[in-house]
Amino acid sequence: MTNKYVCPICGSKDLTLRHEASYIYSYIIDSDVPGLKNSKEFHSYQYDKREQKDSRDYVECNLCRTQYPQQFLSGVLLTDNRHGENQML
């Protein structure tokens, strides 16, 4: 399987689509350890409430680490098979 996407900065085809998100985790303070779902020991994954604050999707070149908006998969990062060059929108 050939990769039809290429980094316009360094020419690498080693790209990764990433989803990045940030959350606020809340734990109710009760008589034992924080969090109603924690009884004997605190476990951060047993939260009482989670709120997503931010998220973004992007494509990252694994060679030069340049990041591109996900929408670039529709054009800028496509390899033009006729000329072997990048198509620019």
Protein backbone atom coordinates (compact mmCIF):
# COMPACT_ATOMS: atom_id res chain seq x y z
CA MET A 1 0.00 0.00 0.00
CA THR A 2 1.47 3.34 -1.02
CA ASN A 3 0.93 6.53 0.93
CA LYS A 4 -0.66 9.28 -1.16
CA TYR A 5 0.22 12.02 1.36
CA VAL A 6 3.54 13.84 1.61
CA CYS A 7 4.91 16.62 3.82
CA PRO A 8 5.47 19.75 1.68
CA ILE A 9 8.30 20.88 3.98
CA CYS A 10 10.60 17.83 4.00
CA GLY A 11 9.00 15.43 1.48
CA SER A 12 8.43 12.64 4.02
CA LYS A 13 5.46 10.31 3.66
CA ASP A 14 5.63 9.36 7.36
CA LEU A 15 2.60 11.31 8.65
CA THR A 16 0.31 10.76 11.64
CA LEU A 17 -3.24 12.03 12.19
CA ARG A 18 -3.55 13.08 15.84
CA HIS A 19 -6.47 13.95 18.13
CA GLU A 20 -5.47 16.09 21.10
CA ALA A 21 -7.88 16.91 23.93
CA SER A 22 -7.76 18.48 27.37
CA TYR A 23 -10.13 17.68 30.20
CA ILE A 24 -10.87 18.78 33.76
CA TYR A 25 -11.45 15.86 36.11
CA SER A 26 -13.43 16.49 39.31
CA TYR A 27 -13.49 14.37 42.47
CA ILE A 28 -16.05 14.97 45.21
CA ILE A 29 -14.38 15.29 48.60
CA ASP A 30 -15.94 12.79 51.00
CA SER A 31 -15.01 11.01 54.24
CA ASP A 32 -12.32 8.73 52.79
CA VAL A 33 -10.24 9.37 49.67
CA PRO A 34 -11.35 11.99 47.09
CA GLY A 35 -14.07 10.79 44.70
CA LEU A 36 -17.28 8.91 45.34
CA LYS A 37 -16.02 6.04 43.17
CA ASN A 38 -12.82 5.74 45.25
CA SER A 39 -13.22 4.12 48.67
CA LYS A 40 -9.89 2.76 49.93
CA GLU A 41 -7.36 4.14 47.50
CA PHE A 42 -7.34 7.12 45.13
CA HIS A 43 -7.35 6.21 41.42
CA SER A 44 -7.29 9.17 39.02
CA TYR A 45 -9.31 7.27 36.40
CA GLN A 46 -12.26 6.93 38.83
CA TYR A 47 -13.46 10.51 38.56
CA ASP A 48 -16.90 11.85 39.44
CA LYS A 49 -17.10 14.36 36.59
CA ARG A 50 -15.12 15.02 33.41
CA GLU A 51 -15.42 18.16 31.29
CA GLN A 52 -13.73 18.51 27.92
CA LYS A 53 -12.18 21.96 27.64
CA ASP A 54 -10.47 21.85 24.29
CA SER A 55 -9.67 19.53 21.41
CA ARG A 56 -8.02 19.65 18.03
CA ASP A 57 -7.21 17.31 15.18
CA TYR A 58 -4.05 17.73 13.15
CA VAL A 59 -1.62 15.90 10.90
CA GLU A 60 2.00 15.77 12.04
CA CYS A 61 5.05 14.88 9.99
CA ASN A 62 7.07 12.33 11.96
CA LEU A 63 10.33 13.52 10.38
CA CYS A 64 10.32 17.35 10.64
CA ARG A 65 7.47 17.54 13.25
CA THR A 66 5.55 20.17 11.23
CA GLN A 67 1.85 20.19 12.12
CA TYR A 68 -0.92 20.80 9.60
CA PRO A 69 -4.69 21.23 10.00
CA GLN A 70 -6.61 18.00 9.34
CA GLN A 71 -8.27 19.69 6.34
CA PHE A 72 -4.90 19.59 4.53
CA LEU A 73 -5.58 15.89 3.86
CA SER A 74 -8.04 17.13 1.21
CA GLY A 75 -5.43 18.87 -0.89
CA VAL A 76 -2.15 20.32 0.35
CA LEU A 77 -0.70 17.00 1.52
CA LEU A 78 -1.93 14.98 -1.48
CA THR A 79 0.74 13.75 -3.87
CA ASP A 80 0.04 14.55 -7.49
CA ASN A 81 0.69 11.20 -9.18
CA ARG A 82 1.10 12.81 -12.61
CA HIS A 83 4.03 15.05 -11.63
CA GLY A 84 5.23 13.58 -8.32
CA GLU A 85 4.78 16.96 -6.66
CA ASN A 86 2.37 18.34 -4.06
CA GLN A 87 -0.93 19.81 -5.09
CA MET A 88 -1.49 23.21 -3.53
CA LEU A 89 -5.02 24.47 -2.94
